[in-house]
Amino acid sequence: MSYTDPHFDPESGPGSGSRPRRPRRGPLTVAIAALVPGALLGWLVYSNVGDHDRTQGAGSVRAAGPSADDGRDGDAGAGASASPSTTARADGPLRGRVIVIDPGHNPTNSLHTAEIDRQVDIGTNHKECDTTGTETNSGYAEARFTLDVAHRMRTYLEHLGAKVTLTQDGDRPWGPCVDERARIGNAAHADAVVSVHADGSAAGNRGFHVILPASVHAGGADTRAIVGPSRELGTLIRSDFARETGTGTAGYIGDGRGLVTREDLGGLNLSTVPKVFVECGNMRDSKDAALLTSGAWRQKAALGISEGIVSFLRGERPGR
């Protein structure tokens, strides 16, 4: 996605966690437990074909249940960005819950450099509206990766009854700007927001990490109310992502435990609802790139992030 300090910045630049101890199960947990096996069956079926191009429209895929998106590496997909889903299951255990997925960057940002270079206020300072993101050495763009994972997440979470909003769905020529991405989650009164990215660090740097909001109170930014719940959300995602994908946390950033707190990201600074960024791997490392370009692995990544969200929404608390 973006170089993380001192590497790539998600907004401005071209050892896995342990499974949390489970609390006593409530009605939502029981309901999800009853539904998830069926969802996972379709999920696993798709994971076996996730590397292959498919030509069916997103509408037919969504109607088929939890088996994923349009299958073209996220370059296409139905649904209006910044609009709630209308396909959530009315009887799903996440009914009434609102989730915003923020696919980092935009596949056509590179055609609109003047627009995305415009400076926006992120509270602590000003920075670019958006960037093109990074890519693998073979040219697989981060923006394609993030849309693909977002589509897979949307299908799974809708199957559980959640209303899902994407900040962009490849349906706009550029952006949105990082401040607008935050406003979309705020306006939706989202229960959780996750921004999906992939890093662009040096070759040899491997693994994923989750970026948490720092406590910021400056200008139009005030994250004090969301720092705690965002940390819980991020810690649960870290554990579920590691379990589902089998990948470890990044050793090249922070303390190597997979959680990094930052105050320089507008998408976090301007959020008033729990939000985290997930850097799913390093696109510039050949071994990580082999995972990120695999449809089967992206399916696991989408499930890991989604399960972390579900854990958060059903009131689980991460182990210390």
Protein backbone atom coordinates (compact mmCIF):
# COMPACT_ATOMS: atom_id res chain seq x y z
CA MET A 1 0.00 0.00 0.00
CA SER A 2 2.21 2.69 1.13
CA TYR A 3 5.52 2.90 2.77
CA THR A 4 5.25 2.73 6.52
CA ASP A 5 7.68 4.89 8.43
CA PRO A 6 10.47 4.66 7.48
CA HIS A 7 9.06 2.71 4.55
CA PHE A 8 5.84 3.39 2.65
CA ASP A 9 2.99 5.57 3.93
CA PRO A 10 -0.50 4.17 3.30
CA GLU A 11 -1.78 7.61 2.39
CA SER A 12 1.28 9.42 1.09
CA GLY A 13 3.78 7.10 -0.50
CA PRO A 14 3.97 5.33 -3.91
CA GLY A 15 5.19 -13.61 14.79
CA SER A 16 1.43 -13.66 14.61
CA GLY A 17 -0.75 -12.56 17.51
CA SER A 18 -2.12 -15.14 19.90
CA ARG A 19 -5.78 -16.09 19.70
CA PRO A 20 -7.75 -14.11 22.34
CA ARG A 21 -9.41 -15.97 25.17
CA ARG A 22 -13.11 -16.37 24.51
CA PRO A 23 -15.63 -14.93 26.95
CA ARG A 24 -18.91 -16.63 27.81
CA ARG A 25 -20.98 -17.00 24.69
CA GLY A 26 -23.98 -14.75 24.24
CA PRO A 27 -26.94 -14.99 21.82
CA LEU A 28 -25.02 -13.29 19.00
CA THR A 29 -22.15 -15.75 19.32
CA VAL A 30 -24.52 -18.72 19.24
CA ALA A 31 -26.34 -17.34 16.22
CA ILE A 32 -23.13 -16.78 14.32
CA ALA A 33 -21.86 -20.23 15.25
CA ALA A 34 -24.99 -21.73 13.74
CA LEU A 35 -24.64 -19.82 10.48
CA VAL A 36 -20.92 -19.75 9.85
CA PRO A 37 -20.41 -23.44 8.85
CA GLY A 38 -22.64 -22.98 5.82
CA ALA A 39 -20.94 -19.74 4.95
CA LEU A 40 -17.53 -21.31 5.23
CA LEU A 41 -18.51 -24.16 2.94
CA GLY A 42 -19.21 -21.78 0.09
CA TRP A 43 -16.17 -19.77 1.07
CA LEU A 44 -13.88 -22.77 0.83
CA VAL A 45 -15.34 -23.81 -2.51
CA TYR A 46 -14.53 -20.40 -3.93
CA SER A 47 -11.04 -20.41 -2.45
CA ASN A 48 -10.20 -23.33 -4.73
CA VAL A 49 -11.04 -21.34 -7.84
CA GLY A 50 -10.10 -17.88 -6.61
CA ASP A 51 -7.05 -17.65 -8.85
CA HIS A 52 -9.06 -17.99 -12.04
CA ASP A 53 -10.75 -15.19 -13.96
CA ARG A 54 -14.52 -15.37 -13.99
CA THR A 55 -16.87 -13.39 -16.20
CA GLN A 56 -20.12 -13.47 -14.26
CA GLY A 57 -21.45 -10.16 -12.96
CA ALA A 58 -21.22 -9.19 -9.34
CA GLY A 59 -24.98 -9.42 -8.96
CA SER A 60 -25.04 -13.14 -9.74
CA VAL A 61 -22.14 -13.79 -7.42
CA ARG A 62 -23.73 -11.92 -4.57
CA ALA A 63 -26.95 -13.83 -5.11
CA ALA A 64 -25.02 -17.07 -4.84
CA GLY A 65 -24.12 -16.44 -1.21
CA PRO A 66 -20.77 -16.22 0.52
CA SER A 67 -18.60 -17.52 -2.27
CA ALA A 68 -16.94 -14.19 -3.20
CA ASP A 69 -16.93 -11.39 -5.72
CA ASP A 70 -16.66 -11.11 -9.46
CA GLY A 71 -13.33 -12.94 -9.46
CA ARG A 72 -11.35 -10.53 -11.63
CA ASP A 73 -8.79 -9.46 -9.03
CA GLY A 74 -11.08 -6.69 -7.85
CA ASP A 75 -10.99 -4.67 -11.08
CA ALA A 76 -14.74 -4.75 -11.33
CA GLY A 77 -17.65 -5.11 -8.99
CA ALA A 78 -21.17 -3.93 -8.39
CA GLY A 79 -22.50 -1.63 -5.76
CA ALA A 80 -22.33 2.12 -5.35
CA SER A 81 -19.50 3.39 -3.20
CA ALA A 82 -20.44 5.20 -0.01
CA SER A 83 -23.86 3.52 -0.14
CA PRO A 84 -25.07 0.88 2.30
CA SER A 85 -25.58 -2.63 1.05
CA THR A 86 -29.11 -3.63 0.19
CA THR A 87 -28.39 -7.36 0.08
CA ALA A 88 -27.76 -8.10 3.76
CA ARG A 89 -29.60 -11.14 5.09
CA ALA A 90 -32.61 -10.00 7.07
CA ASP A 91 -32.20 -12.93 9.47
CA GLY A 92 -28.41 -12.81 9.79
CA PRO A 93 -26.75 -12.57 13.21
CA LEU A 94 -25.13 -9.25 12.23
CA ARG A 95 -28.43 -7.65 11.19
CA GLY A 96 -28.53 -4.01 12.17
CA ARG A 97 -24.75 -3.77 12.21
CA VAL A 98 -23.01 -1.36 9.85
CA ILE A 99 -19.52 -2.07 8.53
CA VAL A 100 -17.51 0.21 6.25
CA ILE A 101 -14.70 -1.28 4.16
CA ASP A 102 -12.20 1.19 2.77
CA PRO A 103 -10.28 -0.30 -0.20
CA GLY A 104 -7.04 1.68 -0.24
CA HIS A 105 -6.30 3.91 -3.24
CA ASN A 106 -8.12 3.66 -6.57
CA PRO A 107 -7.16 1.74 -9.74
CA THR A 108 -7.26 4.92 -11.87
CA ASN A 109 -5.65 7.40 -9.47
CA SER A 110 -2.59 7.46 -11.72
CA LEU A 111 -4.65 9.16 -14.43
CA HIS A 112 -5.64 11.99 -12.09
CA THR A 113 -2.42 13.11 -10.46
CA ALA A 114 -3.46 16.76 -10.12
CA GLU A 115 -6.61 15.79 -8.23
CA ILE A 116 -4.97 13.33 -5.86
CA ASP A 117 -1.99 15.61 -5.20
CA ARG A 118 -4.28 18.27 -3.73
CA GLN A 119 -3.55 18.86 -0.04
CA VAL A 120 -6.26 18.10 2.53
CA ASP A 121 -6.44 18.86 6.25
CA ILE A 122 -6.00 15.77 8.45
CA GLY A 123 -6.05 17.60 11.78
CA THR A 124 -2.39 17.26 12.69
CA ASN A 125 -1.17 18.61 9.34
CA HIS A 126 -1.93 18.56 5.61
CA LYS A 127 -1.17 15.81 3.14
CA GLU A 128 -2.09 14.52 -0.30
CA CYS A 129 -5.73 13.78 -1.06
CA ASP A 130 -4.77 10.23 -2.07
CA THR A 131 -1.96 8.33 -3.80
CA THR A 132 -1.60 5.62 -6.41
CA GLY A 133 -0.39 3.06 -3.88
CA THR A 134 2.30 0.51 -4.52
CA GLU A 135 2.51 -2.63 -6.67
CA THR A 136 4.37 -5.91 -6.96
CA ASN A 137 7.51 -6.12 -9.10
CA SER A 138 5.37 -7.77 -11.77
CA GLY A 139 2.92 -4.84 -11.82
CA TYR A 140 0.00 -6.15 -9.72
CA ALA A 141 -1.35 -2.92 -8.23
CA GLU A 142 -2.24 -2.45 -4.61
CA ALA A 143 -5.52 -0.82 -5.67
CA ARG A 144 -6.55 -4.03 -7.47
CA PHE A 145 -5.63 -6.08 -4.42
CA THR A 146 -7.58 -3.92 -2.00
CA LEU A 147 -10.74 -3.96 -4.11
CA ASP A 148 -10.59 -7.73 -4.50
CA VAL A 149 -10.24 -8.32 -0.76
CA ALA A 150 -12.97 -5.75 -0.05
CA HIS A 151 -15.39 -7.55 -2.39
CA ARG A 152 -14.72 -10.88 -0.69
CA MET A 153 -15.23 -9.30 2.74
CA ARG A 154 -18.46 -7.66 1.63
CA THR A 155 -19.92 -10.94 0.44
CA TYR A 156 -19.06 -12.75 3.64
CA LEU A 157 -20.26 -10.02 5.99
CA GLU A 158 -23.49 -9.49 4.04
CA HIS A 159 -24.17 -13.20 4.38
CA LEU A 160 -24.05 -12.67 8.14
CA GLY A 161 -26.60 -9.85 7.85
CA ALA A 162 -24.42 -6.75 8.10
CA LYS A 163 -25.00 -3.63 6.06
CA VAL A 164 -21.73 -3.07 4.22
CA THR A 165 -20.52 0.17 2.65
CA LEU A 166 -17.43 0.51 0.46
CA THR A 167 -15.78 3.93 0.35
CA GLN A 168 -15.09 3.29 -3.33
CA ASP A 169 -15.82 0.39 -5.64
CA GLY A 170 -13.78 1.25 -8.72
CA ASP A 171 -16.77 3.32 -9.76
CA ARG A 172 -15.20 6.76 -9.59
CA PRO A 173 -12.28 8.17 -11.58
CA TRP A 174 -10.07 8.93 -8.56
CA GLY A 175 -10.06 8.99 -4.78
CA PRO A 176 -11.90 9.55 -2.60
CA CYS A 177 -9.55 11.77 -0.62
CA VAL A 178 -8.46 10.49 2.76
CA ASP A 179 -10.64 12.99 4.61
CA GLU A 180 -13.70 11.91 2.62
CA ARG A 181 -12.93 8.26 3.34
CA ALA A 182 -13.12 9.08 7.05
CA ARG A 183 -16.35 11.03 6.62
CA ILE A 184 -18.01 8.10 4.86
CA GLY A 185 -17.50 5.89 7.90
CA ASN A 186 -18.62 8.66 10.24
CA ALA A 187 -21.77 9.42 8.25
CA ALA A 188 -22.68 5.74 8.19
CA HIS A 189 -22.37 5.58 12.00
CA ALA A 190 -20.36 2.46 11.36
CA ASP A 191 -19.84 -0.09 14.10
CA ALA A 192 -16.42 -0.79 12.59
CA VAL A 193 -14.32 0.52 9.69
CA VAL A 194 -11.37 -1.29 8.15
CA SER A 195 -9.07 0.20 5.54
CA VAL A 196 -7.46 -2.53 3.44
CA HIS A 197 -3.92 -2.05 2.13
CA ALA A 198 -0.69 -3.81 1.23
CA ASP A 199 2.71 -2.37 2.04
CA GLY A 200 5.52 -1.32 -0.28
CA SER A 201 8.58 -1.86 1.87
CA ALA A 202 11.99 -3.26 0.89
CA ALA A 203 12.50 -6.80 -0.39
CA GLY A 204 13.11 -9.19 2.50
CA ASN A 205 10.61 -7.42 4.75
CA ARG A 206 7.69 -9.76 5.24
CA GLY A 207 4.45 -10.08 7.16
CA PHE A 208 1.32 -8.09 7.95
CA HIS A 209 0.54 -5.41 10.48
CA VAL A 210 -2.46 -3.46 11.74
CA ILE A 211 -2.30 0.31 12.13
CA LEU A 212 -4.17 1.84 15.07
CA PRO A 213 -5.15 5.49 15.62
CA ALA A 214 -3.10 7.50 18.09
CA SER A 215 -4.82 9.77 20.58
CA VAL A 216 -5.10 12.97 18.54
CA HIS A 217 -6.87 16.20 19.44
CA ALA A 218 -5.86 18.87 16.97
CA GLY A 219 -7.69 20.90 14.37
CA GLY A 220 -10.66 18.89 13.13
CA ALA A 221 -9.28 15.63 14.51
CA ASP A 222 -10.31 14.09 17.82
CA THR A 223 -9.72 10.37 18.18
CA ARG A 224 -9.80 10.19 21.97
CA ALA A 225 -13.12 8.34 22.08
CA ILE A 226 -12.12 5.72 19.51
CA VAL A 227 -8.57 4.85 20.55
CA GLY A 228 -9.68 2.11 22.95
CA PRO A 229 -12.26 0.34 20.77
CA SER A 230 -10.02 0.69 17.71
CA ARG A 231 -7.21 -1.08 19.57
CA GLU A 232 -9.60 -3.89 20.48
CA LEU A 233 -10.76 -4.16 16.86
CA GLY A 234 -7.19 -4.16 15.57
CA THR A 235 -5.95 -6.71 18.08
CA LEU A 236 -8.77 -9.12 17.23
CA ILE A 237 -8.13 -8.70 13.50
CA ARG A 238 -4.43 -9.36 14.08
CA SER A 239 -5.21 -12.68 15.76
CA ASP A 240 -7.83 -13.85 13.27
CA PHE A 241 -5.82 -12.74 10.25
CA ALA A 242 -2.76 -14.65 11.47
CA ARG A 243 -4.82 -17.75 12.13
CA GLU A 244 -6.70 -17.76 8.82
CA THR A 245 -3.77 -16.88 6.55
CA GLY A 246 -0.96 -18.64 8.41
CA THR A 247 1.26 -15.56 7.96
CA GLY A 248 3.24 -13.84 10.67
CA THR A 249 3.33 -10.25 11.82
CA ALA A 250 5.80 -7.88 10.18
CA GLY A 251 9.19 -7.79 11.85
CA TYR A 252 10.30 -4.61 10.07
CA ILE A 253 7.85 -2.17 11.63
CA GLY A 254 7.11 -1.30 15.25
CA ASP A 255 8.06 -3.95 17.79
CA GLY A 256 7.27 -6.83 15.44
CA ARG A 257 4.04 -7.75 17.22
CA GLY A 258 1.84 -6.52 14.38
CA LEU A 259 0.27 -3.45 15.97
CA VAL A 260 1.51 0.01 15.03
CA THR A 261 0.05 3.29 16.32
CA ARG A 262 0.20 6.33 14.04
CA GLU A 263 -0.98 9.93 14.16
CA ASP A 264 -0.18 10.92 10.57
CA LEU A 265 -3.00 9.16 8.71
CA GLY A 266 -6.04 11.25 7.85
CA GLY A 267 -8.26 8.21 7.52
CA LEU A 268 -7.67 7.49 11.21
CA ASN A 269 -7.28 11.02 12.58
CA LEU A 270 -10.63 12.18 11.22
CA SER A 271 -12.60 9.07 12.15
CA THR A 272 -15.20 9.27 14.91
CA VAL A 273 -15.96 5.54 14.81
CA PRO A 274 -13.66 2.55 15.55
CA LYS A 275 -11.27 2.18 12.64
CA VAL A 276 -7.99 0.47 11.74
CA PHE A 277 -5.79 -0.05 8.69
CA VAL A 278 -4.62 -3.56 7.74
CA GLU A 279 -1.37 -3.88 5.78
CA CYS A 280 -1.85 -7.42 4.50
CA GLY A 281 1.74 -8.01 3.36
CA ASN A 282 4.66 -6.45 1.50
CA MET A 283 4.11 -6.26 -2.23
CA ARG A 284 7.82 -5.64 -2.88
CA ASP A 285 8.94 -8.92 -1.34
CA SER A 286 8.73 -11.85 -3.76
CA LYS A 287 7.45 -14.33 -1.15
CA ASP A 288 4.76 -12.00 0.16
CA ALA A 289 3.89 -11.01 -3.42
CA ALA A 290 3.25 -14.66 -4.27
CA LEU A 291 0.62 -14.71 -1.52
CA LEU A 292 -0.94 -11.34 -2.35
CA THR A 293 -1.40 -12.33 -6.02
CA SER A 294 -3.05 -15.64 -5.11
CA GLY A 295 -6.84 -15.63 -5.15
CA ALA A 296 -6.92 -18.49 -2.65
CA TRP A 297 -4.76 -16.52 -0.21
CA ARG A 298 -6.79 -13.35 -0.70
CA GLN A 299 -9.83 -15.38 0.27
CA LYS A 300 -8.09 -16.32 3.51
CA ALA A 301 -7.07 -12.71 4.08
CA ALA A 302 -10.64 -11.51 3.59
CA LEU A 303 -11.92 -14.15 5.99
CA GLY A 304 -9.30 -13.29 8.59
CA ILE A 305 -10.16 -9.59 8.55
CA SER A 306 -13.89 -10.32 8.52
CA GLU A 307 -13.66 -12.73 11.42
CA GLY A 308 -11.77 -10.11 13.41
CA ILE A 309 -14.62 -7.68 12.77
CA VAL A 310 -17.16 -10.31 13.81
CA SER A 311 -15.21 -11.02 17.01
CA PHE A 312 -15.25 -7.31 17.80
CA LEU A 313 -18.96 -6.90 17.09
CA ARG A 314 -19.94 -9.84 19.27
CA GLY A 315 -18.15 -8.27 22.20
CA GLU A 316 -15.03 -10.39 22.45
CA ARG A 317 -12.06 -8.77 24.09
CA PRO A 318 -8.51 -9.52 23.01
CA GLY A 319 -6.12 -11.37 25.28
CA ARG A 320 -3.49 -9.25 26.94
